Amino acid sequence: MKRREFIGLIGGAAAWPLAAGAQQPANLPLVAVIVAFTEQLANARAASIREGLKQAGLIEGKDYVLTLRFLDGDYARLPEIVKELDALKPRVYVTVAGGPKPIHRLVPNAPVVFTAIAIDPVAYGWVESYARPGGMTTGNVQNAIGGLESLMSKQFQFFKELVPNLTRVGFIGLADTAVQFPVERAAVQKTAQQLGFAVSMYEVPTLADVESAIASGQRDDVSAFFLSVEPRFVARVPQIVASLAKTGKPAFGPTPVWTRGGLLMSYYTDIDEQTRRAGGLAAKILRGAKPGDLPIEQADKFTLIINLKTAKQLGITVPPALLAQADEVIE
């Protein structure tokens, strides 16, 4: 299994324990959830999926059961996980921050709902169209057709308000992400042209090389750092944030976990909302809907988070107007 087929966009690297009880009532449909992130984030995403099922009128233990696996970034174990889950005969799979192809390679007729994806599922052949996906796949995306450009433009507009002297951004991503990082790279380059800053690209071969990329950015005198939404990075948030803090330069990540971990800012879709909506799509499938008849949903809720503590440490004064726009302020 190739990593590129699972990674979509917008954490981790170890084990994948059973998270929702191995013994399930035989007469209830099973919702199998696979999350790319760490255990803590996987549990949070599963809670949102459960909430979406509940909002759709389904009660866990009465109308369905749910089982969870988290990858913690170890994509090589995905085929093993899918084989194990297939033995439990799920009615529907929900994959968070991952695409449907690795699941459909092993179980081609299984309904799959994807969520927390920021690449174009039509362009990559996951579905036939947004309005009518076709086949056994549906889900939601973090942005409309065209992917990351508008989202990233907004991210950097906010960041430039925080860091008005922004001249060169060091963008760090994993080189083996053949789908995700090239899409991000193109979006960053286009945004840089529009907003008037340069970009230094640091494509690292492994997670262990992120610190060397940060050191290269220091030598290149970048004015700030920006991290890929690569899920495997999330397992190293504390280490990466600590390394970035030593540079004395502002840095931001695309998702809330980075800002809550100590970076200056994030602006992203509301992932809890997206996973709730994925639960709603799963509920429709449990009630008999065909995945290919359920339109791909577009994110319409975004959150701006500012870490005021980090801003003070960097000597950055947050403009009051920007502070007023923040959905969350960390002090």
C-alpha atoms as a PDB file:
ATOM      1  CA  MET A   1       0.000   0.000   0.000  1.00  0.00           C
ATOM      2  CA  LYS A   2       1.358   3.397  -0.967  1.00  0.00           C
ATOM      3  CA  ARG A   3       1.142   6.230   1.526  1.00  0.00           C
ATOM      4  CA  ARG A   4       0.032   8.644  -1.201  1.00  0.00           C
ATOM      5  CA  GLU A   5      -3.217   6.740  -1.600  1.00  0.00           C
ATOM      6  CA  PHE A   6      -4.289   7.223   1.985  1.00  0.00           C
ATOM      7  CA  ILE A   7      -3.090  10.734   2.695  1.00  0.00           C
ATOM      8  CA  GLY A   8      -5.507  13.469   1.789  1.00  0.00           C
ATOM      9  CA  LEU A   9      -4.740  16.493   3.858  1.00  0.00           C
ATOM     10  CA  ILE A  10      -5.269  18.219   7.007  1.00  0.00           C
ATOM     11  CA  GLY A  11      -1.218  13.706  12.259  1.00  0.00           C
ATOM     12  CA  GLY A  12       1.460  10.721  13.493  1.00  0.00           C
ATOM     13  CA  ALA A  13       3.868   6.954  13.928  1.00  0.00           C
ATOM     14  CA  ALA A  14       3.176   3.894  16.143  1.00  0.00           C
ATOM     15  CA  ALA A  15       0.324   1.488  17.027  1.00  0.00           C
ATOM     16  CA  TRP A  16      -3.362   1.074  16.230  1.00  0.00           C
ATOM     17  CA  PRO A  17      -5.198  -0.618  19.090  1.00  0.00           C
ATOM     18  CA  LEU A  18      -8.844  -1.563  19.115  1.00  0.00           C
ATOM     19  CA  ALA A  19     -10.706   1.415  20.509  1.00  0.00           C
ATOM     20  CA  ALA A  20     -14.335   0.405  20.717  1.00  0.00           C
ATOM     21  CA  GLY A  21     -14.692  -3.130  22.001  1.00  0.00           C
ATOM     22  CA  ALA A  22     -13.898  -6.241  20.025  1.00  0.00           C
ATOM     23  CA  GLN A  23     -17.237  -7.917  20.718  1.00  0.00           C
ATOM     24  CA  GLN A  24     -20.143  -6.191  19.009  1.00  0.00           C
ATOM     25  CA  PRO A  25     -23.847  -7.131  18.985  1.00  0.00           C
ATOM     26  CA  ALA A  26     -24.252  -9.312  15.919  1.00  0.00           C
ATOM     27  CA  ASN A  27     -27.578  -7.803  14.895  1.00  0.00           C
ATOM     28  CA  LEU A  28     -26.464  -4.154  14.746  1.00  0.00           C
ATOM     29  CA  PRO A  29     -24.737  -2.515  11.757  1.00  0.00           C
ATOM     30  CA  LEU A  30     -21.093  -1.673  12.365  1.00  0.00           C
ATOM     31  CA  VAL A  31     -19.509   1.704  11.578  1.00  0.00           C
ATOM     32  CA  ALA A  32     -15.734   1.234  11.171  1.00  0.00           C
ATOM     33  CA  VAL A  33     -13.726   4.431  11.694  1.00  0.00           C
ATOM     34  CA  ILE A  34     -10.083   4.746  10.591  1.00  0.00           C
ATOM     35  CA  VAL A  35      -8.230   7.903  11.676  1.00  0.00           C
ATOM     36  CA  ALA A  36      -4.776   8.923  10.492  1.00  0.00           C
ATOM     37  CA  PHE A  37      -3.948  10.776  13.692  1.00  0.00           C
ATOM     38  CA  THR A  38      -2.742  10.015  17.200  1.00  0.00           C
ATOM     39  CA  GLU A  39      -4.925   8.201  19.722  1.00  0.00           C
ATOM     40  CA  GLN A  40      -6.032  11.400  21.460  1.00  0.00           C
ATOM     41  CA  LEU A  41      -7.111  13.079  18.220  1.00  0.00           C
ATOM     42  CA  ALA A  42      -8.640   9.857  16.908  1.00  0.00           C
ATOM     43  CA  ASN A  43     -10.867   9.623  19.973  1.00  0.00           C
ATOM     44  CA  ALA A  44     -11.935  13.239  19.468  1.00  0.00           C
ATOM     45  CA  ARG A  45     -12.785  12.612  15.806  1.00  0.00           C
ATOM     46  CA  ALA A  46     -14.718   9.460  16.680  1.00  0.00           C
ATOM     47  CA  ALA A  47     -16.702  11.454  19.253  1.00  0.00           C
ATOM     48  CA  SER A  48     -17.678  13.933  16.528  1.00  0.00           C
ATOM     49  CA  ILE A  49     -18.712  11.109  14.183  1.00  0.00           C
ATOM     50  CA  ARG A  50     -20.854   9.675  16.978  1.00  0.00           C
ATOM     51  CA  GLU A  51     -22.398  13.117  17.465  1.00  0.00           C
ATOM     52  CA  GLY A  52     -23.254  13.274  13.758  1.00  0.00           C
ATOM     53  CA  LEU A  53     -24.932   9.877  13.956  1.00  0.00           C
ATOM     54  CA  LYS A  54     -26.823  11.018  17.050  1.00  0.00           C
ATOM     55  CA  GLN A  55     -27.982  14.222  15.361  1.00  0.00           C
ATOM     56  CA  ALA A  56     -29.294  12.037  12.542  1.00  0.00           C
ATOM     57  CA  GLY A  57     -31.415  10.177  15.079  1.00  0.00           C
ATOM     58  CA  LEU A  58     -29.309   7.029  15.534  1.00  0.00           C
ATOM     59  CA  ILE A  59     -28.387   5.762  18.999  1.00  0.00           C
ATOM     60  CA  GLU A  60     -25.168   3.845  19.555  1.00  0.00           C
ATOM     61  CA  GLY A  61     -25.839   0.386  20.980  1.00  0.00           C
ATOM     62  CA  LYS A  62     -29.416   0.493  19.750  1.00  0.00           C
ATOM     63  CA  ASP A  63     -29.166   1.411  16.067  1.00  0.00           C
ATOM     64  CA  TYR A  64     -25.482   0.794  15.369  1.00  0.00           C
ATOM     65  CA  VAL A  65     -22.112   0.043  16.942  1.00  0.00           C
ATOM     66  CA  LEU A  66     -18.826   1.787  16.190  1.00  0.00           C
ATOM     67  CA  THR A  67     -15.269   0.555  16.218  1.00  0.00           C
ATOM     68  CA  LEU A  68     -12.207   2.792  15.899  1.00  0.00           C
ATOM     69  CA  ARG A  69      -8.660   2.292  14.661  1.00  0.00           C
ATOM     70  CA  PHE A  70      -6.035   5.018  14.651  1.00  0.00           C
ATOM     71  CA  LEU A  71      -2.948   4.882  12.456  1.00  0.00           C
ATOM     72  CA  ASP A  72      -0.767   7.301  14.425  1.00  0.00           C
ATOM     73  CA  GLY A  73       0.879   7.970  11.075  1.00  0.00           C
ATOM     74  CA  ASP A  74       1.858   4.351  10.391  1.00  0.00           C
ATOM     75  CA  TYR A  75       0.230   3.951   6.971  1.00  0.00           C
ATOM     76  CA  ALA A  76       2.043   0.683   6.285  1.00  0.00           C
ATOM     77  CA  ARG A  77      -0.359  -1.040   8.679  1.00  0.00           C
ATOM     78  CA  LEU A  78      -3.490   0.120   6.906  1.00  0.00           C
ATOM     79  CA  PRO A  79      -3.991  -3.085   4.840  1.00  0.00           C
ATOM     80  CA  GLU A  80      -3.737  -5.154   8.016  1.00  0.00           C
ATOM     81  CA  ILE A  81      -6.290  -2.924   9.726  1.00  0.00           C
ATOM     82  CA  VAL A  82      -8.702  -3.082   6.799  1.00  0.00           C
ATOM     83  CA  LYS A  83      -8.433  -6.875   6.661  1.00  0.00           C
ATOM     84  CA  GLU A  84      -9.194  -7.112  10.363  1.00  0.00           C
ATOM     85  CA  LEU A  85     -12.142  -4.741  10.071  1.00  0.00           C
ATOM     86  CA  ASP A  86     -13.470  -6.546   7.003  1.00  0.00           C
ATOM     87  CA  ALA A  87     -13.771  -9.703   9.101  1.00  0.00           C
ATOM     88  CA  LEU A  88     -16.228  -7.760  11.294  1.00  0.00           C
ATOM     89  CA  LYS A  89     -18.367  -6.944   8.215  1.00  0.00           C
ATOM     90  CA  PRO A  90     -18.822  -3.171   8.655  1.00  0.00           C
ATOM     91  CA  ARG A  91     -21.863  -1.599   7.038  1.00  0.00           C
ATOM     92  CA  VAL A  92     -19.824   1.539   6.314  1.00  0.00           C
ATOM     93  CA  TYR A  93     -16.242   2.781   6.709  1.00  0.00           C
ATOM     94  CA  VAL A  94     -15.450   6.361   7.735  1.00  0.00           C
ATOM     95  CA  THR A  95     -11.890   7.445   6.996  1.00  0.00           C
ATOM     96  CA  VAL A  96     -10.567  10.656   8.579  1.00  0.00           C
ATOM     97  CA  ALA A  97      -7.747  12.434   6.708  1.00  0.00           C
ATOM     98  CA  GLY A  98      -7.517   9.556   4.279  1.00  0.00           C
ATOM     99  CA  GLY A  99      -8.820   8.517   0.903  1.00  0.00           C
ATOM    100  CA  PRO A 100     -10.999   5.531  -0.014  1.00  0.00           C
ATOM    101  CA  LYS A 101      -8.652   3.747  -2.435  1.00  0.00           C
ATOM    102  CA  PRO A 102      -6.697   1.599   0.060  1.00  0.00           C
ATOM    103  CA  ILE A 103      -9.968   0.370   1.549  1.00  0.00           C
ATOM    104  CA  HIS A 104     -11.534  -0.324  -1.838  1.00  0.00           C
ATOM    105  CA  ARG A 105      -8.481  -2.242  -2.996  1.00  0.00           C
ATOM    106  CA  LEU A 106      -9.273  -4.857  -0.363  1.00  0.00           C
ATOM    107  CA  VAL A 107     -13.050  -4.453  -0.074  1.00  0.00           C
ATOM    108  CA  PRO A 108     -14.193  -2.846  -3.342  1.00  0.00           C
ATOM    109  CA  ASN A 109     -17.898  -3.008  -2.536  1.00  0.00           C
ATOM    110  CA  ALA A 110     -17.679  -1.398   0.899  1.00  0.00           C
ATOM    111  CA  PRO A 111     -19.344   2.015   1.355  1.00  0.00           C
ATOM    112  CA  VAL A 112     -16.696   4.586   2.344  1.00  0.00           C
ATOM    113  CA  VAL A 113     -17.192   8.096   3.732  1.00  0.00           C
ATOM    114  CA  PHE A 114     -14.087  10.270   3.684  1.00  0.00           C
ATOM    115  CA  THR A 115     -13.664  13.455   5.694  1.00  0.00           C
ATOM    116  CA  ALA A 116     -11.036  16.107   6.543  1.00  0.00           C
ATOM    117  CA  ILE A 117      -9.677  16.073   2.981  1.00  0.00           C
ATOM    118  CA  ALA A 118      -8.215  19.106   1.202  1.00  0.00           C
ATOM    119  CA  ILE A 119      -7.464  17.735  -2.226  1.00  0.00           C
ATOM    120  CA  ASP A 120      -9.904  17.520  -5.100  1.00  0.00           C
ATOM    121  CA  PRO A 121     -11.491  14.030  -4.979  1.00  0.00           C
ATOM    122  CA  VAL A 122     -12.608  14.340  -8.608  1.00  0.00           C
ATOM    123  CA  ALA A 123      -9.111  15.169  -9.868  1.00  0.00           C
ATOM    124  CA  TYR A 124      -7.685  12.136  -8.074  1.00  0.00           C
ATOM    125  CA  GLY A 125     -10.338   9.759  -9.311  1.00  0.00           C
ATOM    126  CA  TRP A 126     -12.048   9.047  -6.000  1.00  0.00           C
ATOM    127  CA  VAL A 127     -15.454  10.159  -7.286  1.00  0.00           C
ATOM    128  CA  GLU A 128     -17.040  11.053 -10.621  1.00  0.00           C
ATOM    129  CA  SER A 129     -18.338  14.475  -9.579  1.00  0.00           C
ATOM    130  CA  TYR A 130     -19.177  16.545  -6.523  1.00  0.00           C
ATOM    131  CA  ALA A 131     -22.923  16.441  -7.180  1.00  0.00           C
ATOM    132  CA  ARG A 132     -23.062  12.727  -7.951  1.00  0.00           C
ATOM    133  CA  PRO A 133     -19.987  10.837  -6.722  1.00  0.00           C
ATOM    134  CA  GLY A 134     -20.979   7.455  -8.149  1.00  0.00           C
ATOM    135  CA  GLY A 135     -19.630   4.142  -6.938  1.00  0.00           C
ATOM    136  CA  MET A 136     -19.267   3.388  -3.241  1.00  0.00           C
ATOM    137  CA  THR A 137     -17.714   6.659  -2.063  1.00  0.00           C
ATOM    138  CA  THR A 138     -18.909   9.962  -0.646  1.00  0.00           C
ATOM    139  CA  GLY A 139     -17.656  12.428   1.955  1.00  0.00           C
ATOM    140  CA  ASN A 140     -16.707  16.022   2.553  1.00  0.00           C
ATOM    141  CA  VAL A 141     -13.800  18.270   1.637  1.00  0.00           C
ATOM    142  CA  GLN A 142     -12.073  21.099   3.448  1.00  0.00           C
ATOM    143  CA  ASN A 143     -12.544  23.463   0.545  1.00  0.00           C
ATOM    144  CA  ALA A 144     -14.405  23.726  -2.744  1.00  0.00           C
ATOM    145  CA  ILE A 145     -13.205  22.670  -6.172  1.00  0.00           C
ATOM    146  CA  GLY A 146      -9.807  24.270  -6.636  1.00  0.00           C
ATOM    147  CA  GLY A 147      -8.589  22.934  -3.331  1.00  0.00           C
ATOM    148  CA  LEU A 148      -6.264  24.863  -1.102  1.00  0.00           C
ATOM    149  CA  GLU A 149      -5.667  28.151  -2.882  1.00  0.00           C
ATOM    150  CA  SER A 150      -8.480  30.195  -1.360  1.00  0.00           C
ATOM    151  CA  LEU A 151      -7.991  28.661   2.082  1.00  0.00           C
ATOM    152  CA  MET A 152      -4.241  29.231   2.025  1.00  0.00           C
ATOM    153  CA  SER A 153      -4.698  32.777   0.760  1.00  0.00           C
ATOM    154  CA  LYS A 154      -6.841  33.528   3.802  1.00  0.00           C
ATOM    155  CA  GLN A 155      -4.328  31.852   6.126  1.00  0.00           C
ATOM    156  CA  PHE A 156      -1.517  34.060   4.883  1.00  0.00           C
ATOM    157  CA  GLN A 157      -3.647  37.204   4.876  1.00  0.00           C
ATOM    158  CA  PHE A 158      -4.240  36.726   8.589  1.00  0.00           C
ATOM    159  CA  PHE A 159      -0.585  35.840   9.150  1.00  0.00           C
ATOM    160  CA  LYS A 160       0.588  38.993   7.376  1.00  0.00           C
ATOM    161  CA  GLU A 161      -1.599  41.037   9.683  1.00  0.00           C
ATOM    162  CA  LEU A 162       0.268  39.450  12.588  1.00  0.00           C
ATOM    163  CA  VAL A 163       3.673  39.628  10.879  1.00  0.00           C
ATOM    164  CA  PRO A 164       3.547  42.655   8.535  1.00  0.00           C
ATOM    165  CA  ASN A 165       7.275  42.440   7.740  1.00  0.00           C
ATOM    166  CA  LEU A 166       6.859  38.951   6.249  1.00  0.00           C
ATOM    167  CA  THR A 167       9.303  38.618   3.342  1.00  0.00           C
ATOM    168  CA  ARG A 168      10.211  34.910   3.100  1.00  0.00           C
ATOM    169  CA  VAL A 169       8.387  31.866   4.449  1.00  0.00           C
ATOM    170  CA  GLY A 170      10.066  28.527   5.052  1.00  0.00           C
ATOM    171  CA  PHE A 171       7.527  25.853   4.118  1.00  0.00           C
ATOM    172  CA  ILE A 172       8.207  22.375   5.552  1.00  0.00           C
ATOM    173  CA  GLY A 173       6.641  19.168   4.230  1.00  0.00           C
ATOM    174  CA  LEU A 174       7.382  15.482   3.711  1.00  0.00           C
ATOM    175  CA  ALA A 175       8.839  14.670   0.313  1.00  0.00           C
ATOM    176  CA  ASP A 176       7.212  11.221   0.059  1.00  0.00           C
ATOM    177  CA  THR A 177       3.684  12.659   0.045  1.00  0.00           C
ATOM    178  CA  ALA A 178       3.160  12.489  -3.684  1.00  0.00           C
ATOM    179  CA  VAL A 179      -0.379  13.897  -3.657  1.00  0.00           C
ATOM    180  CA  GLN A 180      -0.599  16.259  -0.742  1.00  0.00           C
ATOM    181  CA  PHE A 181       2.655  18.192  -0.631  1.00  0.00           C
ATOM    182  CA  PRO A 182       2.731  19.121  -4.345  1.00  0.00           C
ATOM    183  CA  VAL A 183      -0.808  20.499  -4.030  1.00  0.00           C
ATOM    184  CA  GLU A 184       0.196  22.519  -0.972  1.00  0.00           C
ATOM    185  CA  ARG A 185       3.420  23.678  -2.618  1.00  0.00           C
ATOM    186  CA  ALA A 186       1.599  25.006  -5.661  1.00  0.00           C
ATOM    187  CA  ALA A 187      -0.969  26.761  -3.456  1.00  0.00           C
ATOM    188  CA  VAL A 188       1.742  28.370  -1.301  1.00  0.00           C
ATOM    189  CA  GLN A 189       3.662  29.579  -4.344  1.00  0.00           C
ATOM    190  CA  LYS A 190       0.555  31.110  -5.906  1.00  0.00           C
ATOM    191  CA  THR A 191      -0.406  32.773  -2.619  1.00  0.00           C
ATOM    192  CA  ALA A 192       3.129  34.127  -2.201  1.00  0.00           C
ATOM    193  CA  GLN A 193       2.949  35.760  -5.621  1.00  0.00           C
ATOM    194  CA  GLN A 194      -0.387  37.349  -4.794  1.00  0.00           C
ATOM    195  CA  LEU A 195       0.628  38.637  -1.367  1.00  0.00           C
ATOM    196  CA  GLY A 196       4.225  39.580  -2.138  1.00  0.00           C
ATOM    197  CA  PHE A 197       6.499  37.268  -0.180  1.00  0.00           C
ATOM    198  CA  ALA A 198       9.044  34.630  -1.194  1.00  0.00           C
ATOM    199  CA  VAL A 199       8.990  30.941  -0.268  1.00  0.00           C
ATOM    200  CA  SER A 200      11.797  28.545   0.593  1.00  0.00           C
ATOM    201  CA  MET A 201      10.671  24.927   0.231  1.00  0.00           C
ATOM    202  CA  TYR A 202      12.042  22.309   2.618  1.00  0.00           C
ATOM    203  CA  GLU A 203      10.955  18.817   1.573  1.00  0.00           C
ATOM    204  CA  VAL A 204      12.255  16.455   4.226  1.00  0.00           C
ATOM    205  CA  PRO A 205      12.604  12.703   3.617  1.00  0.00           C
ATOM    206  CA  THR A 206      11.510  11.649   7.128  1.00  0.00           C
ATOM    207  CA  LEU A 207      10.004  13.100  10.290  1.00  0.00           C
ATOM    208  CA  ALA A 208      13.430  12.982  11.899  1.00  0.00           C
ATOM    209  CA  ASP A 209      14.655  15.530   9.335  1.00  0.00           C
ATOM    210  CA  VAL A 210      12.234  18.307  10.305  1.00  0.00           C
ATOM    211  CA  GLU A 211      14.732  19.792  12.754  1.00  0.00           C
ATOM    212  CA  SER A 212      17.363  19.991  10.009  1.00  0.00           C
ATOM    213  CA  ALA A 213      14.832  21.809   7.784  1.00  0.00           C
ATOM    214  CA  ILE A 214      14.243  24.322  10.574  1.00  0.00           C
ATOM    215  CA  ALA A 215      18.000  24.816  10.858  1.00  0.00           C
ATOM    216  CA  SER A 216      18.206  25.352   7.090  1.00  0.00           C
ATOM    217  CA  GLY A 217      15.487  27.958   7.361  1.00  0.00           C
ATOM    218  CA  GLN A 218      17.489  29.734  10.022  1.00  0.00           C
ATOM    219  CA  ARG A 219      20.556  29.776   7.788  1.00  0.00           C
ATOM    220  CA  ASP A 220      18.442  31.041   4.901  1.00  0.00           C
ATOM    221  CA  ASP A 221      17.116  33.800   7.158  1.00  0.00           C
ATOM    222  CA  VAL A 222      13.453  33.099   6.504  1.00  0.00           C
ATOM    223  CA  SER A 223      11.185  35.521   8.319  1.00  0.00           C
ATOM    224  CA  ALA A 224       8.679  32.827   9.363  1.00  0.00           C
ATOM    225  CA  PHE A 225       7.863  29.127   9.093  1.00  0.00           C
ATOM    226  CA  PHE A 226       4.753  27.352   7.847  1.00  0.00           C
ATOM    227  CA  LEU A 227       4.089  23.614   8.216  1.00  0.00           C
ATOM    228  CA  SER A 228       2.362  21.213   5.871  1.00  0.00           C
ATOM    229  CA  VAL A 229      -0.927  19.772   7.050  1.00  0.00           C
ATOM    230  CA  GLU A 230       0.748  16.348   6.755  1.00  0.00           C
ATOM    231  CA  PRO A 231      -0.964  14.067   9.331  1.00  0.00           C
ATOM    232  CA  ARG A 232       2.296  12.418  10.388  1.00  0.00           C
ATOM    233  CA  PHE A 233       3.604  15.729  11.703  1.00  0.00           C
ATOM    234  CA  VAL A 234       0.986  15.778  14.442  1.00  0.00           C
ATOM    235  CA  ALA A 235       2.700  13.004  16.408  1.00  0.00           C
ATOM    236  CA  ARG A 236       5.704  15.332  16.764  1.00  0.00           C
ATOM    237  CA  VAL A 237       3.923  18.584  17.594  1.00  0.00           C
ATOM    238  CA  PRO A 238       5.743  19.117  20.935  1.00  0.00           C
ATOM    239  CA  GLN A 239       9.204  18.481  19.441  1.00  0.00           C
ATOM    240  CA  ILE A 240       8.592  20.556  16.303  1.00  0.00           C
ATOM    241  CA  VAL A 241       7.083  23.454  18.241  1.00  0.00           C
ATOM    242  CA  ALA A 242      10.042  23.418  20.640  1.00  0.00           C
ATOM    243  CA  SER A 243      12.514  23.501  17.740  1.00  0.00           C
ATOM    244  CA  LEU A 244      10.663  26.359  16.079  1.00  0.00           C
ATOM    245  CA  ALA A 245      10.531  28.304  19.357  1.00  0.00           C
ATOM    246  CA  LYS A 246      14.327  28.205  19.566  1.00  0.00           C
ATOM    247  CA  THR A 247      14.573  30.102  16.267  1.00  0.00           C
ATOM    248  CA  GLY A 248      12.793  33.132  17.710  1.00  0.00           C
ATOM    249  CA  LYS A 249      10.814  33.393  14.473  1.00  0.00           C
ATOM    250  CA  PRO A 250       7.029  33.326  14.119  1.00  0.00           C
ATOM    251  CA  ALA A 251       5.537  30.113  12.818  1.00  0.00           C
ATOM    252  CA  PHE A 252       2.075  28.835  12.094  1.00  0.00           C
ATOM    253  CA  GLY A 253       0.465  25.567  11.230  1.00  0.00           C
ATOM    254  CA  PRO A 254      -2.720  24.991   9.297  1.00  0.00           C
ATOM    255  CA  THR A 255      -4.752  23.227  11.988  1.00  0.00           C
ATOM    256  CA  PRO A 256      -5.743  24.059  15.586  1.00  0.00           C
ATOM    257  CA  VAL A 257      -3.525  21.373  17.108  1.00  0.00           C
ATOM    258  CA  TRP A 258      -0.486  23.473  16.169  1.00  0.00           C
ATOM    259  CA  THR A 259      -1.727  26.700  17.741  1.00  0.00           C
ATOM    260  CA  ARG A 260      -2.849  24.914  20.864  1.00  0.00           C
ATOM    261  CA  GLY A 261       0.587  23.289  20.898  1.00  0.00           C
ATOM    262  CA  GLY A 262       2.353  26.667  20.915  1.00  0.00           C
ATOM    263  CA  LEU A 263       2.569  28.086  17.387  1.00  0.00           C
ATOM    264  CA  LEU A 264       1.366  31.605  16.704  1.00  0.00           C
ATOM    265  CA  MET A 265      -1.739  31.098  14.588  1.00  0.00           C
ATOM    266  CA  SER A 266      -3.942  28.734  12.629  1.00  0.00           C
ATOM    267  CA  TYR A 267      -6.897  29.222  10.315  1.00  0.00           C
ATOM    268  CA  TYR A 268      -8.651  26.129   9.105  1.00  0.00           C
ATOM    269  CA  THR A 269     -11.910  24.360   8.599  1.00  0.00           C
ATOM    270  CA  ASP A 270     -13.743  23.203  11.698  1.00  0.00           C
ATOM    271  CA  ILE A 271     -12.676  19.554  11.677  1.00  0.00           C
ATOM    272  CA  ASP A 272     -15.125  18.640  14.441  1.00  0.00           C
ATOM    273  CA  GLU A 273     -17.918  19.966  12.239  1.00  0.00           C
ATOM    274  CA  GLN A 274     -16.628  18.014   9.244  1.00  0.00           C
ATOM    275  CA  THR A 275     -16.450  14.750  11.148  1.00  0.00           C
ATOM    276  CA  ARG A 276     -19.942  15.353  12.561  1.00  0.00           C
ATOM    277  CA  ARG A 277     -21.170  15.751   9.004  1.00  0.00           C
ATOM    278  CA  ALA A 278     -19.363  12.547   8.054  1.00  0.00           C
ATOM    279  CA  GLY A 279     -21.345  10.850  10.811  1.00  0.00           C
ATOM    280  CA  GLY A 280     -24.479  12.232   9.206  1.00  0.00           C
ATOM    281  CA  LEU A 281     -23.500  10.749   5.844  1.00  0.00           C
ATOM    282  CA  ALA A 282     -22.784   7.409   7.513  1.00  0.00           C
ATOM    283  CA  ALA A 283     -26.273   7.542   9.065  1.00  0.00           C
ATOM    284  CA  LYS A 284     -27.847   7.980   5.631  1.00  0.00           C
ATOM    285  CA  ILE A 285     -25.938   4.947   4.357  1.00  0.00           C
ATOM    286  CA  LEU A 286     -27.036   2.888   7.367  1.00  0.00           C
ATOM    287  CA  ARG A 287     -30.606   3.790   6.426  1.00  0.00           C
ATOM    288  CA  GLY A 288     -30.123   2.503   2.908  1.00  0.00           C
ATOM    289  CA  ALA A 289     -28.794   5.419   0.850  1.00  0.00           C
ATOM    290  CA  LYS A 290     -26.208   4.649  -1.816  1.00  0.00           C
ATOM    291  CA  PRO A 291     -22.900   6.493  -1.257  1.00  0.00           C
ATOM    292  CA  GLY A 292     -22.669   7.428  -4.923  1.00  0.00           C
ATOM    293  CA  ASP A 293     -25.984   9.275  -4.680  1.00  0.00           C
ATOM    294  CA  LEU A 294     -24.868  11.473  -1.750  1.00  0.00           C
ATOM    295  CA  PRO A 295     -23.188  14.712  -2.947  1.00  0.00           C
ATOM    296  CA  ILE A 296     -19.701  15.603  -1.710  1.00  0.00           C
ATOM    297  CA  GLU A 297     -20.141  18.285   0.961  1.00  0.00           C
ATOM    298  CA  GLN A 298     -18.005  21.427   1.155  1.00  0.00           C
ATOM    299  CA  ALA A 299     -16.760  22.915   4.411  1.00  0.00           C
ATOM    300  CA  ASP A 300     -18.519  26.138   5.350  1.00  0.00           C
ATOM    301  CA  LYS A 301     -17.192  26.734   8.856  1.00  0.00           C
ATOM    302  CA  PHE A 302     -13.640  27.964   9.535  1.00  0.00           C
ATOM    303  CA  THR A 303     -11.848  28.832  12.772  1.00  0.00           C
ATOM    304  CA  LEU A 304      -9.124  31.413  13.432  1.00  0.00           C
ATOM    305  CA  ILE A 305      -7.036  30.670  16.522  1.00  0.00           C
ATOM    306  CA  ILE A 306      -4.360  33.014  17.872  1.00  0.00           C
ATOM    307  CA  ASN A 307      -1.876  32.067  20.577  1.00  0.00           C
ATOM    308  CA  LEU A 308      -1.532  35.332  22.488  1.00  0.00           C
ATOM    309  CA  LYS A 309       1.063  33.840  24.825  1.00  0.00           C
ATOM    310  CA  THR A 310       3.323  32.993  21.880  1.00  0.00           C
ATOM    311  CA  ALA A 311       2.729  36.428  20.335  1.00  0.00           C
ATOM    312  CA  LYS A 312       3.924  38.097  23.539  1.00  0.00           C
ATOM    313  CA  GLN A 313       7.009  35.860  23.667  1.00  0.00           C
ATOM    314  CA  LEU A 314       7.843  36.903  20.090  1.00  0.00           C
ATOM    315  CA  GLY A 315       7.207  40.571  20.808  1.00  0.00           C
ATOM    316  CA  ILE A 316       4.262  40.650  18.416  1.00  0.00           C
ATOM    317  CA  THR A 317       1.342  42.959  19.106  1.00  0.00           C
ATOM    318  CA  VAL A 318      -1.858  41.436  17.781  1.00  0.00           C
ATOM    319  CA  PRO A 319      -3.993  44.070  16.026  1.00  0.00           C
ATOM    320  CA  PRO A 320      -7.243  44.550  17.977  1.00  0.00           C
ATOM    321  CA  ALA A 321      -9.324  44.094  14.818  1.00  0.00           C
ATOM    322  CA  LEU A 322      -7.690  40.716  14.166  1.00  0.00           C
ATOM    323  CA  LEU A 323      -8.077  39.694  17.796  1.00  0.00           C
ATOM    324  CA  ALA A 324     -11.783  40.475  17.527  1.00  0.00           C
ATOM    325  CA  GLN A 325     -12.089  38.109  14.570  1.00  0.00           C
ATOM    326  CA  ALA A 326     -10.463  35.180  16.400  1.00  0.00           C
ATOM    327  CA  ASP A 327     -12.704  32.252  17.278  1.00  0.00           C
ATOM    328  CA  GLU A 328     -10.277  31.195  20.002  1.00  0.00           C
ATOM    329  CA  VAL A 329      -7.516  33.079  21.828  1.00  0.00           C
ATOM    330  CA  ILE A 330      -4.918  31.159  23.825  1.00  0.00           C
ATOM    331  CA  GLU A 331      -3.476  33.127  26.751  1.00  0.00           C
END
